Full PDB file with SEQRES, HELIX, SHEET, SSBOND, CRYST1, ORIGX, SCALE, CONECT and MASTER records, all heavy atoms in Angstrom:
SEQRES   1 A   31  GLN ALA GLU LEU GLY HIS TRP GLU LEU ARG ARG LEU ARG          
SEQRES   2 A   31  LEU TYR ALA ASP GLY ARG ARG LYS ILE GLU LEU ARG ARG          
SEQRES   3 A   31  ARG VAL ILE LYS ALA                                          
HELIX    1 AA1 ALA A    2  GLY A    5  1                                   4    
SHEET    1 AA1 2 GLU A   8  LEU A  14  0                                        
SHEET    2 AA1 2 ARG A  20  ARG A  25 -1                                        
CRYST1    1.000    1.000    1.000  90.00  90.00  90.00 P 1           1          
ORIGX1      1.000000  0.000000  0.000000        0.00000                         
ORIGX2      0.000000  1.000000  0.000000        0.00000                         
ORIGX3      0.000000  0.000000  1.000000        0.00000                         
SCALE1      1.000000  0.000000  0.000000        0.00000                         
SCALE2      0.000000  1.000000  0.000000        0.00000                         
SCALE3      0.000000  0.000000  1.000000        0.00000                         
ATOM      1  N   GLN A   1       3.080   7.689   2.613  1.00  0.00           N  
ATOM      2  CA  GLN A   1       2.943   6.428   3.344  1.00  0.00           C  
ATOM      3  C   GLN A   1       4.269   5.665   3.393  1.00  0.00           C  
ATOM      4  O   GLN A   1       4.609   5.054   4.402  1.00  0.00           O  
ATOM      5  CB  GLN A   1       1.855   5.553   2.711  1.00  0.00           C  
ATOM      6  CG  GLN A   1       0.468   6.125   2.813  1.00  0.00           C  
ATOM      7  CD  GLN A   1       0.048   6.368   4.247  1.00  0.00           C  
ATOM      8  OE1 GLN A   1       0.134   5.483   5.085  1.00  0.00           O  
ATOM      9  NE2 GLN A   1      -0.404   7.572   4.527  1.00  0.00           N  
ATOM     10  N   ALA A   2       5.003   5.690   2.298  1.00  0.00           N  
ATOM     11  CA  ALA A   2       6.278   4.970   2.238  1.00  0.00           C  
ATOM     12  C   ALA A   2       7.326   5.615   3.136  1.00  0.00           C  
ATOM     13  O   ALA A   2       8.045   4.922   3.861  1.00  0.00           O  
ATOM     14  CB  ALA A   2       6.777   4.920   0.800  1.00  0.00           C  
ATOM     15  N   GLU A   3       7.418   6.939   3.107  1.00  0.00           N  
ATOM     16  CA  GLU A   3       8.458   7.620   3.865  1.00  0.00           C  
ATOM     17  C   GLU A   3       8.150   7.694   5.359  1.00  0.00           C  
ATOM     18  O   GLU A   3       9.037   7.496   6.183  1.00  0.00           O  
ATOM     19  CB  GLU A   3       8.669   9.029   3.316  1.00  0.00           C  
ATOM     20  CG  GLU A   3       9.327   9.030   1.951  1.00  0.00           C  
ATOM     21  CD  GLU A   3       9.533  10.425   1.405  1.00  0.00           C  
ATOM     22  OE1 GLU A   3       9.033  11.399   2.015  1.00  0.00           O  
ATOM     23  OE2 GLU A   3      10.202  10.534   0.366  1.00  0.00           O  
ATOM     24  N   LEU A   4       6.912   7.971   5.715  1.00  0.00           N  
ATOM     25  CA  LEU A   4       6.573   8.168   7.124  1.00  0.00           C  
ATOM     26  C   LEU A   4       6.120   6.884   7.820  1.00  0.00           C  
ATOM     27  O   LEU A   4       6.398   6.686   8.993  1.00  0.00           O  
ATOM     28  CB  LEU A   4       5.492   9.239   7.262  1.00  0.00           C  
ATOM     29  CG  LEU A   4       5.873  10.626   6.735  1.00  0.00           C  
ATOM     30  CD1 LEU A   4       4.713  11.585   6.881  1.00  0.00           C  
ATOM     31  CD2 LEU A   4       7.103  11.158   7.438  1.00  0.00           C  
ATOM     32  N   GLY A   5       5.419   6.018   7.095  1.00  0.00           N  
ATOM     33  CA  GLY A   5       4.864   4.828   7.718  1.00  0.00           C  
ATOM     34  C   GLY A   5       5.594   3.545   7.378  1.00  0.00           C  
ATOM     35  O   GLY A   5       5.212   2.482   7.838  1.00  0.00           O  
ATOM     36  N   HIS A   6       6.605   3.627   6.515  1.00  0.00           N  
ATOM     37  CA  HIS A   6       7.390   2.468   6.083  1.00  0.00           C  
ATOM     38  C   HIS A   6       6.533   1.427   5.364  1.00  0.00           C  
ATOM     39  O   HIS A   6       6.803   0.232   5.436  1.00  0.00           O  
ATOM     40  CB  HIS A   6       8.143   1.833   7.258  1.00  0.00           C  
ATOM     41  CG  HIS A   6       9.053   2.793   7.944  1.00  0.00           C  
ATOM     42  ND1 HIS A   6      10.238   3.204   7.394  1.00  0.00           N  
ATOM     43  CD2 HIS A   6       8.935   3.445   9.118  1.00  0.00           C  
ATOM     44  CE1 HIS A   6      10.825   4.051   8.199  1.00  0.00           C  
ATOM     45  NE2 HIS A   6      10.043   4.229   9.266  1.00  0.00           N  
ATOM     46  N   TRP A   7       5.494   1.885   4.673  1.00  0.00           N  
ATOM     47  CA  TRP A   7       4.646   0.997   3.894  1.00  0.00           C  
ATOM     48  C   TRP A   7       5.228   0.856   2.497  1.00  0.00           C  
ATOM     49  O   TRP A   7       5.853   1.769   1.980  1.00  0.00           O  
ATOM     50  CB  TRP A   7       3.232   1.553   3.782  1.00  0.00           C  
ATOM     51  CG  TRP A   7       2.473   1.553   5.061  1.00  0.00           C  
ATOM     52  CD1 TRP A   7       2.328   2.602   5.918  1.00  0.00           C  
ATOM     53  CD2 TRP A   7       1.754   0.466   5.646  1.00  0.00           C  
ATOM     54  NE1 TRP A   7       1.562   2.235   7.002  1.00  0.00           N  
ATOM     55  CE2 TRP A   7       1.196   0.921   6.856  1.00  0.00           C  
ATOM     56  CE3 TRP A   7       1.525  -0.849   5.264  1.00  0.00           C  
ATOM     57  CZ2 TRP A   7       0.429   0.118   7.679  1.00  0.00           C  
ATOM     58  CZ3 TRP A   7       0.756  -1.648   6.081  1.00  0.00           C  
ATOM     59  CH2 TRP A   7       0.221  -1.174   7.267  1.00  0.00           C  
ATOM     60  N   GLU A   8       4.998  -0.280   1.878  1.00  0.00           N  
ATOM     61  CA  GLU A   8       5.375  -0.468   0.478  1.00  0.00           C  
ATOM     62  C   GLU A   8       4.139  -0.904  -0.292  1.00  0.00           C  
ATOM     63  O   GLU A   8       3.223  -1.514   0.256  1.00  0.00           O  
ATOM     64  CB  GLU A   8       6.499  -1.488   0.324  1.00  0.00           C  
ATOM     65  CG  GLU A   8       6.176  -2.876   0.771  1.00  0.00           C  
ATOM     66  CD  GLU A   8       7.357  -3.815   0.654  1.00  0.00           C  
ATOM     67  OE1 GLU A   8       8.464  -3.446   1.052  1.00  0.00           O  
ATOM     68  OE2 GLU A   8       7.149  -4.924   0.161  1.00  0.00           O  
ATOM     69  N   LEU A   9       4.144  -0.578  -1.568  1.00  0.00           N  
ATOM     70  CA  LEU A   9       3.005  -0.881  -2.418  1.00  0.00           C  
ATOM     71  C   LEU A   9       2.996  -2.361  -2.762  1.00  0.00           C  
ATOM     72  O   LEU A   9       3.976  -2.906  -3.255  1.00  0.00           O  
ATOM     73  CB  LEU A   9       3.076  -0.051  -3.702  1.00  0.00           C  
ATOM     74  CG  LEU A   9       1.946  -0.232  -4.703  1.00  0.00           C  
ATOM     75  CD1 LEU A   9       0.634   0.237  -4.091  1.00  0.00           C  
ATOM     76  CD2 LEU A   9       2.246   0.529  -5.971  1.00  0.00           C  
ATOM     77  N   ARG A  10       1.887  -3.016  -2.465  1.00  0.00           N  
ATOM     78  CA  ARG A  10       1.742  -4.429  -2.812  1.00  0.00           C  
ATOM     79  C   ARG A  10       0.968  -4.563  -4.112  1.00  0.00           C  
ATOM     80  O   ARG A  10       1.357  -5.293  -5.003  1.00  0.00           O  
ATOM     81  CB  ARG A  10       1.015  -5.181  -1.701  1.00  0.00           C  
ATOM     82  CG  ARG A  10       0.837  -6.630  -2.003  1.00  0.00           C  
ATOM     83  CD  ARG A  10       0.332  -7.393  -0.787  1.00  0.00           C  
ATOM     84  NE  ARG A  10       0.203  -8.782  -1.142  1.00  0.00           N  
ATOM     85  CZ  ARG A  10      -0.968  -9.395  -1.255  1.00  0.00           C  
ATOM     86  NH1 ARG A  10      -2.074  -8.739  -1.023  1.00  0.00           N  
ATOM     87  NH2 ARG A  10      -1.015 -10.661  -1.595  1.00  0.00           N  
ATOM     88  N   ARG A  11      -0.139  -3.821  -4.210  1.00  0.00           N  
ATOM     89  CA  ARG A  11      -0.962  -3.890  -5.415  1.00  0.00           C  
ATOM     90  C   ARG A  11      -1.777  -2.618  -5.540  1.00  0.00           C  
ATOM     91  O   ARG A  11      -2.243  -2.078  -4.548  1.00  0.00           O  
ATOM     92  CB  ARG A  11      -1.893  -5.095  -5.314  1.00  0.00           C  
ATOM     93  CG  ARG A  11      -2.822  -5.240  -6.497  1.00  0.00           C  
ATOM     94  CD  ARG A  11      -3.612  -6.520  -6.428  1.00  0.00           C  
ATOM     95  NE  ARG A  11      -2.677  -7.637  -6.570  1.00  0.00           N  
ATOM     96  CZ  ARG A  11      -2.795  -8.789  -5.898  1.00  0.00           C  
ATOM     97  NH1 ARG A  11      -3.766  -8.961  -5.047  1.00  0.00           N  
ATOM     98  NH2 ARG A  11      -1.936  -9.758  -6.076  1.00  0.00           N  
ATOM     99  N   LEU A  12      -1.917  -2.145  -6.768  1.00  0.00           N  
ATOM    100  CA  LEU A  12      -2.771  -0.996  -7.043  1.00  0.00           C  
ATOM    101  C   LEU A  12      -3.713  -1.393  -8.166  1.00  0.00           C  
ATOM    102  O   LEU A  12      -3.270  -1.887  -9.201  1.00  0.00           O  
ATOM    103  CB  LEU A  12      -1.951   0.223  -7.462  1.00  0.00           C  
ATOM    104  CG  LEU A  12      -2.768   1.507  -7.614  1.00  0.00           C  
ATOM    105  CD1 LEU A  12      -1.969   2.681  -7.095  1.00  0.00           C  
ATOM    106  CD2 LEU A  12      -3.169   1.735  -9.034  1.00  0.00           C  
ATOM    107  N   ARG A  13      -4.992  -1.201  -7.933  1.00  0.00           N  
ATOM    108  CA  ARG A  13      -5.975  -1.534  -8.949  1.00  0.00           C  
ATOM    109  C   ARG A  13      -6.741  -0.281  -9.311  1.00  0.00           C  
ATOM    110  O   ARG A  13      -7.296   0.392  -8.441  1.00  0.00           O  
ATOM    111  CB  ARG A  13      -6.924  -2.601  -8.419  1.00  0.00           C  
ATOM    112  CG  ARG A  13      -7.901  -3.035  -9.458  1.00  0.00           C  
ATOM    113  CD  ARG A  13      -8.555  -4.320  -9.085  1.00  0.00           C  
ATOM    114  NE  ARG A  13      -9.356  -4.743 -10.212  1.00  0.00           N  
ATOM    115  CZ  ARG A  13     -10.001  -5.879 -10.264  1.00  0.00           C  
ATOM    116  NH1 ARG A  13      -9.920  -6.715  -9.269  1.00  0.00           N  
ATOM    117  NH2 ARG A  13     -10.716  -6.196 -11.309  1.00  0.00           N  
ATOM    118  N   LEU A  14      -6.754   0.040 -10.595  1.00  0.00           N  
ATOM    119  CA  LEU A  14      -7.470   1.202 -11.110  1.00  0.00           C  
ATOM    120  C   LEU A  14      -8.722   0.697 -11.817  1.00  0.00           C  
ATOM    121  O   LEU A  14      -8.635  -0.083 -12.768  1.00  0.00           O  
ATOM    122  CB  LEU A  14      -6.595   1.999 -12.073  1.00  0.00           C  
ATOM    123  CG  LEU A  14      -7.211   3.215 -12.737  1.00  0.00           C  
ATOM    124  CD1 LEU A  14      -7.621   4.240 -11.691  1.00  0.00           C  
ATOM    125  CD2 LEU A  14      -6.242   3.830 -13.728  1.00  0.00           C  
ATOM    126  N   TYR A  15      -9.878   1.127 -11.331  1.00  0.00           N  
ATOM    127  CA  TYR A  15     -11.142   0.697 -11.916  1.00  0.00           C  
ATOM    128  C   TYR A  15     -11.531   1.615 -13.067  1.00  0.00           C  
ATOM    129  O   TYR A  15     -11.027   2.734 -13.194  1.00  0.00           O  
ATOM    130  CB  TYR A  15     -12.242   0.689 -10.850  1.00  0.00           C  
ATOM    131  CG  TYR A  15     -12.026  -0.376  -9.795  1.00  0.00           C  
ATOM    132  CD1 TYR A  15     -11.425  -0.063  -8.581  1.00  0.00           C  
ATOM    133  CD2 TYR A  15     -12.411  -1.683 -10.013  1.00  0.00           C  
ATOM    134  CE1 TYR A  15     -11.218  -1.037  -7.618  1.00  0.00           C  
ATOM    135  CE2 TYR A  15     -12.213  -2.662  -9.053  1.00  0.00           C  
ATOM    136  CZ  TYR A  15     -11.612  -2.341  -7.866  1.00  0.00           C  
ATOM    137  OH  TYR A  15     -11.404  -3.303  -6.920  1.00  0.00           O  
ATOM    138  N   ALA A  16     -12.440   1.151 -13.912  1.00  0.00           N  
ATOM    139  CA  ALA A  16     -12.858   1.905 -15.104  1.00  0.00           C  
ATOM    140  C   ALA A  16     -13.496   3.242 -14.751  1.00  0.00           C  
ATOM    141  O   ALA A  16     -13.392   4.197 -15.530  1.00  0.00           O  
ATOM    142  CB  ALA A  16     -13.825   1.064 -15.932  1.00  0.00           C  
ATOM    143  N   ASP A  17     -14.139   3.338 -13.598  1.00  0.00           N  
ATOM    144  CA  ASP A  17     -14.777   4.595 -13.222  1.00  0.00           C  
ATOM    145  C   ASP A  17     -13.815   5.568 -12.537  1.00  0.00           C  
ATOM    146  O   ASP A  17     -14.218   6.653 -12.143  1.00  0.00           O  
ATOM    147  CB  ASP A  17     -16.000   4.344 -12.336  1.00  0.00           C  
ATOM    148  CG  ASP A  17     -15.658   3.724 -10.993  1.00  0.00           C  
ATOM    149  OD1 ASP A  17     -14.479   3.384 -10.766  1.00  0.00           O  
ATOM    150  OD2 ASP A  17     -16.566   3.590 -10.158  1.00  0.00           O  
ATOM    151  N   GLY A  18     -12.540   5.185 -12.368  1.00  0.00           N  
ATOM    152  CA  GLY A  18     -11.540   6.087 -11.812  1.00  0.00           C  
ATOM    153  C   GLY A  18     -11.167   5.818 -10.369  1.00  0.00           C  
ATOM    154  O   GLY A  18     -10.233   6.423  -9.853  1.00  0.00           O  
ATOM    155  N   ARG A  19     -11.890   4.939  -9.692  1.00  0.00           N  
ATOM    156  CA  ARG A  19     -11.537   4.602  -8.302  1.00  0.00           C  
ATOM    157  C   ARG A  19     -10.223   3.842  -8.285  1.00  0.00           C  
ATOM    158  O   ARG A  19      -9.865   3.175  -9.231  1.00  0.00           O  
ATOM    159  CB  ARG A  19     -12.606   3.708  -7.671  1.00  0.00           C  
ATOM    160  CG  ARG A  19     -13.920   4.360  -7.453  1.00  0.00           C  
ATOM    161  CD  ARG A  19     -14.911   3.380  -6.849  1.00  0.00           C  
ATOM    162  NE  ARG A  19     -15.174   2.303  -7.824  1.00  0.00           N  
ATOM    163  CZ  ARG A  19     -15.210   1.006  -7.505  1.00  0.00           C  
ATOM    164  NH1 ARG A  19     -15.035   0.608  -6.270  1.00  0.00           N  
ATOM    165  NH2 ARG A  19     -15.448   0.099  -8.430  1.00  0.00           N  
ATOM    166  N   ARG A  20      -9.512   3.953  -7.164  1.00  0.00           N  
ATOM    167  CA  ARG A  20      -8.269   3.200  -6.977  1.00  0.00           C  
ATOM    168  C   ARG A  20      -8.361   2.401  -5.684  1.00  0.00           C  
ATOM    169  O   ARG A  20      -8.761   2.921  -4.654  1.00  0.00           O  
ATOM    170  CB  ARG A  20      -7.065   4.137  -6.890  1.00  0.00           C  
ATOM    171  CG  ARG A  20      -6.689   4.783  -8.187  1.00  0.00           C  
ATOM    172  CD  ARG A  20      -5.513   5.730  -7.963  1.00  0.00           C  
ATOM    173  NE  ARG A  20      -5.006   6.245  -9.211  1.00  0.00           N  
ATOM    174  CZ  ARG A  20      -5.452   7.333  -9.807  1.00  0.00           C  
ATOM    175  NH1 ARG A  20      -6.419   8.021  -9.254  1.00  0.00           N  
ATOM    176  NH2 ARG A  20      -4.933   7.735 -10.933  1.00  0.00           N  
ATOM    177  N   LYS A  21      -7.981   1.146  -5.761  1.00  0.00           N  
ATOM    178  CA  LYS A  21      -7.872   0.295  -4.579  1.00  0.00           C  
ATOM    179  C   LYS A  21      -6.386   0.001  -4.407  1.00  0.00           C  
ATOM    180  O   LYS A  21      -5.739  -0.557  -5.291  1.00  0.00           O  
ATOM    181  CB  LYS A  21      -8.645  -1.008  -4.756  1.00  0.00           C  
ATOM    182  CG  LYS A  21      -8.531  -1.939  -3.569  1.00  0.00           C  
ATOM    183  CD  LYS A  21      -9.294  -3.227  -3.821  1.00  0.00           C  
ATOM    184  CE  LYS A  21      -9.108  -4.183  -2.670  1.00  0.00           C  
ATOM    185  NZ  LYS A  21      -9.773  -5.469  -2.944  1.00  0.00           N  
ATOM    186  N   ILE A  22      -5.841   0.400  -3.258  1.00  0.00           N  
ATOM    187  CA  ILE A  22      -4.407   0.287  -3.015  1.00  0.00           C  
ATOM    188  C   ILE A  22      -4.188  -0.668  -1.854  1.00  0.00           C  
ATOM    189  O   ILE A  22      -4.794  -0.518  -0.793  1.00  0.00           O  
ATOM    190  CB  ILE A  22      -3.806   1.663  -2.684  1.00  0.00           C  
ATOM    191  CG1 ILE A  22      -4.051   2.625  -3.836  1.00  0.00           C  
ATOM    192  CG2 ILE A  22      -2.328   1.545  -2.363  1.00  0.00           C  
ATOM    193  CD1 ILE A  22      -3.729   4.048  -3.515  1.00  0.00           C  
ATOM    194  N   GLU A  23      -3.323  -1.642  -2.052  1.00  0.00           N  
ATOM    195  CA  GLU A  23      -2.945  -2.562  -0.988  1.00  0.00           C  
ATOM    196  C   GLU A  23      -1.500  -2.272  -0.618  1.00  0.00           C  
ATOM    197  O   GLU A  23      -0.609  -2.299  -1.470  1.00  0.00           O  
ATOM    198  CB  GLU A  23      -3.106  -4.013  -1.434  1.00  0.00           C  
ATOM    199  CG  GLU A  23      -4.548  -4.387  -1.696  1.00  0.00           C  
ATOM    200  CD  GLU A  23      -4.708  -5.826  -2.144  1.00  0.00           C  
ATOM    201  OE1 GLU A  23      -3.795  -6.636  -1.882  1.00  0.00           O  
ATOM    202  OE2 GLU A  23      -5.741  -6.120  -2.755  1.00  0.00           O  
ATOM    203  N   LEU A  24      -1.288  -1.974   0.662  1.00  0.00           N  
ATOM    204  CA  LEU A  24       0.038  -1.668   1.184  1.00  0.00           C  
ATOM    205  C   LEU A  24       0.456  -2.769   2.149  1.00  0.00           C  
ATOM    206  O   LEU A  24      -0.391  -3.443   2.732  1.00  0.00           O  
ATOM    207  CB  LEU A  24       0.023  -0.326   1.914  1.00  0.00           C  
ATOM    208  CG  LEU A  24      -0.451   0.885   1.120  1.00  0.00           C  
ATOM    209  CD1 LEU A  24      -0.645   2.068   2.054  1.00  0.00           C  
ATOM    210  CD2 LEU A  24       0.532   1.222   0.025  1.00  0.00           C  
ATOM    211  N   ARG A  25       1.763  -2.927   2.339  1.00  0.00           N  
ATOM    212  CA  ARG A  25       2.254  -3.889   3.318  1.00  0.00           C  
ATOM    213  C   ARG A  25       3.546  -3.374   3.933  1.00  0.00           C  
ATOM    214  O   ARG A  25       4.242  -2.539   3.356  1.00  0.00           O  
ATOM    215  CB  ARG A  25       2.481  -5.259   2.693  1.00  0.00           C  
ATOM    216  CG  ARG A  25       3.673  -5.313   1.757  1.00  0.00           C  
ATOM    217  CD  ARG A  25       3.863  -6.698   1.230  1.00  0.00           C  
ATOM    218  NE  ARG A  25       5.096  -6.738   0.442  1.00  0.00           N  
ATOM    219  CZ  ARG A  25       5.576  -7.818  -0.115  1.00  0.00           C  
ATOM    220  NH1 ARG A  25       4.934  -8.956  -0.001  1.00  0.00           N  
ATOM    221  NH2 ARG A  25       6.698  -7.779  -0.807  1.00  0.00           N  
ATOM    222  N   ARG A  26       3.843  -3.867   5.134  1.00  0.00           N  
ATOM    223  CA  ARG A  26       5.113  -3.597   5.785  1.00  0.00           C  
ATOM    224  C   ARG A  26       5.446  -4.772   6.691  1.00  0.00           C  
ATOM    225  O   ARG A  26       4.564  -5.477   7.178  1.00  0.00           O  
ATOM    226  CB  ARG A  26       5.106  -2.281   6.553  1.00  0.00           C  
ATOM    227  CG  ARG A  26       4.199  -2.218   7.745  1.00  0.00           C  
ATOM    228  CD  ARG A  26       4.299  -0.875   8.417  1.00  0.00           C  
ATOM    229  NE  ARG A  26       3.255  -0.719   9.428  1.00  0.00           N  
ATOM    230  CZ  ARG A  26       3.019   0.394  10.065  1.00  0.00           C  
ATOM    231  NH1 ARG A  26       3.722   1.470   9.799  1.00  0.00           N  
ATOM    232  NH2 ARG A  26       2.073   0.473  10.965  1.00  0.00           N  
ATOM    233  N   ARG A  27       6.729  -4.965   6.884  1.00  0.00           N  
ATOM    234  CA  ARG A  27       7.171  -6.075   7.698  1.00  0.00           C  
ATOM    235  C   ARG A  27       6.902  -5.805   9.157  1.00  0.00           C  
ATOM    236  O   ARG A  27       7.045  -4.685   9.643  1.00  0.00           O  
ATOM    237  CB  ARG A  27       8.670  -6.315   7.517  1.00  0.00           C  
ATOM    238  CG  ARG A  27       8.962  -7.029   6.232  1.00  0.00           C  
ATOM    239  CD  ARG A  27      10.410  -7.341   6.053  1.00  0.00           C  
ATOM    240  NE  ARG A  27      10.966  -8.029   7.213  1.00  0.00           N  
ATOM    241  CZ  ARG A  27      12.255  -8.232   7.383  1.00  0.00           C  
ATOM    242  NH1 ARG A  27      13.110  -7.811   6.493  1.00  0.00           N  
ATOM    243  NH2 ARG A  27      12.707  -8.864   8.442  1.00  0.00           N  
ATOM    244  N   VAL A  28       6.542  -6.846   9.891  1.00  0.00           N  
ATOM    245  CA  VAL A  28       6.351  -6.759  11.327  1.00  0.00           C  
ATOM    246  C   VAL A  28       7.702  -7.082  11.957  1.00  0.00           C  
ATOM    247  O   VAL A  28       8.275  -8.139  11.701  1.00  0.00           O  
ATOM    248  CB  VAL A  28       5.276  -7.761  11.803  1.00  0.00           C  
ATOM    249  CG1 VAL A  28       5.182  -7.765  13.312  1.00  0.00           C  
ATOM    250  CG2 VAL A  28       3.939  -7.436  11.177  1.00  0.00           C  
ATOM    251  N   ILE A  29       8.200  -6.153  12.735  1.00  0.00           N  
ATOM    252  CA  ILE A  29       9.474  -6.341  13.408  1.00  0.00           C  
ATOM    253  C   ILE A  29       9.187  -6.633  14.862  1.00  0.00           C  
ATOM    254  O   ILE A  29       8.635  -5.803  15.588  1.00  0.00           O  
ATOM    255  CB  ILE A  29      10.361  -5.092  13.252  1.00  0.00           C  
ATOM    256  CG1 ILE A  29      10.606  -4.828  11.771  1.00  0.00           C  
ATOM    257  CG2 ILE A  29      11.663  -5.270  14.024  1.00  0.00           C  
ATOM    258  CD1 ILE A  29      11.329  -3.519  11.507  1.00  0.00           C  
ATOM    259  N   LYS A  30       9.582  -7.822  15.283  1.00  0.00           N  
ATOM    260  CA  LYS A  30       9.340  -8.214  16.671  1.00  0.00           C  
ATOM    261  C   LYS A  30      10.581  -7.955  17.491  1.00  0.00           C  
ATOM    262  O   LYS A  30      11.690  -8.299  17.096  1.00  0.00           O  
ATOM    263  CB  LYS A  30       8.982  -9.694  16.737  1.00  0.00           C  
ATOM    264  CG  LYS A  30       7.663  -9.999  16.061  1.00  0.00           C  
ATOM    265  CD  LYS A  30       7.281 -11.436  16.255  1.00  0.00           C  
ATOM    266  CE  LYS A  30       5.922 -11.684  15.608  1.00  0.00           C  
ATOM    267  NZ  LYS A  30       5.489 -13.057  15.759  1.00  0.00           N  
ATOM    268  N   ALA A  31      10.385  -7.335  18.633  1.00  0.00           N  
ATOM    269  CA  ALA A  31      11.510  -7.046  19.527  1.00  0.00           C  
ATOM    270  C   ALA A  31      11.916  -8.328  20.243  1.00  0.00           C  
ATOM    271  O   ALA A  31      11.086  -9.097  20.704  1.00  0.00           O  
ATOM    272  CB  ALA A  31      11.111  -5.984  20.535  1.00  0.00           C  
TER     273      ALA A  31                                                      
MASTER        0    0    0    1    2    0    0    6  272    1    0    3          
END                                                                             
């Protein structure tokens, strides 16, 4: 995601049962 989509990790939450919730963000570039 970082290399191809230019996303960066904002937050990663690991739950006790093993699930992961990942929040990604990227800057909006206006032409």
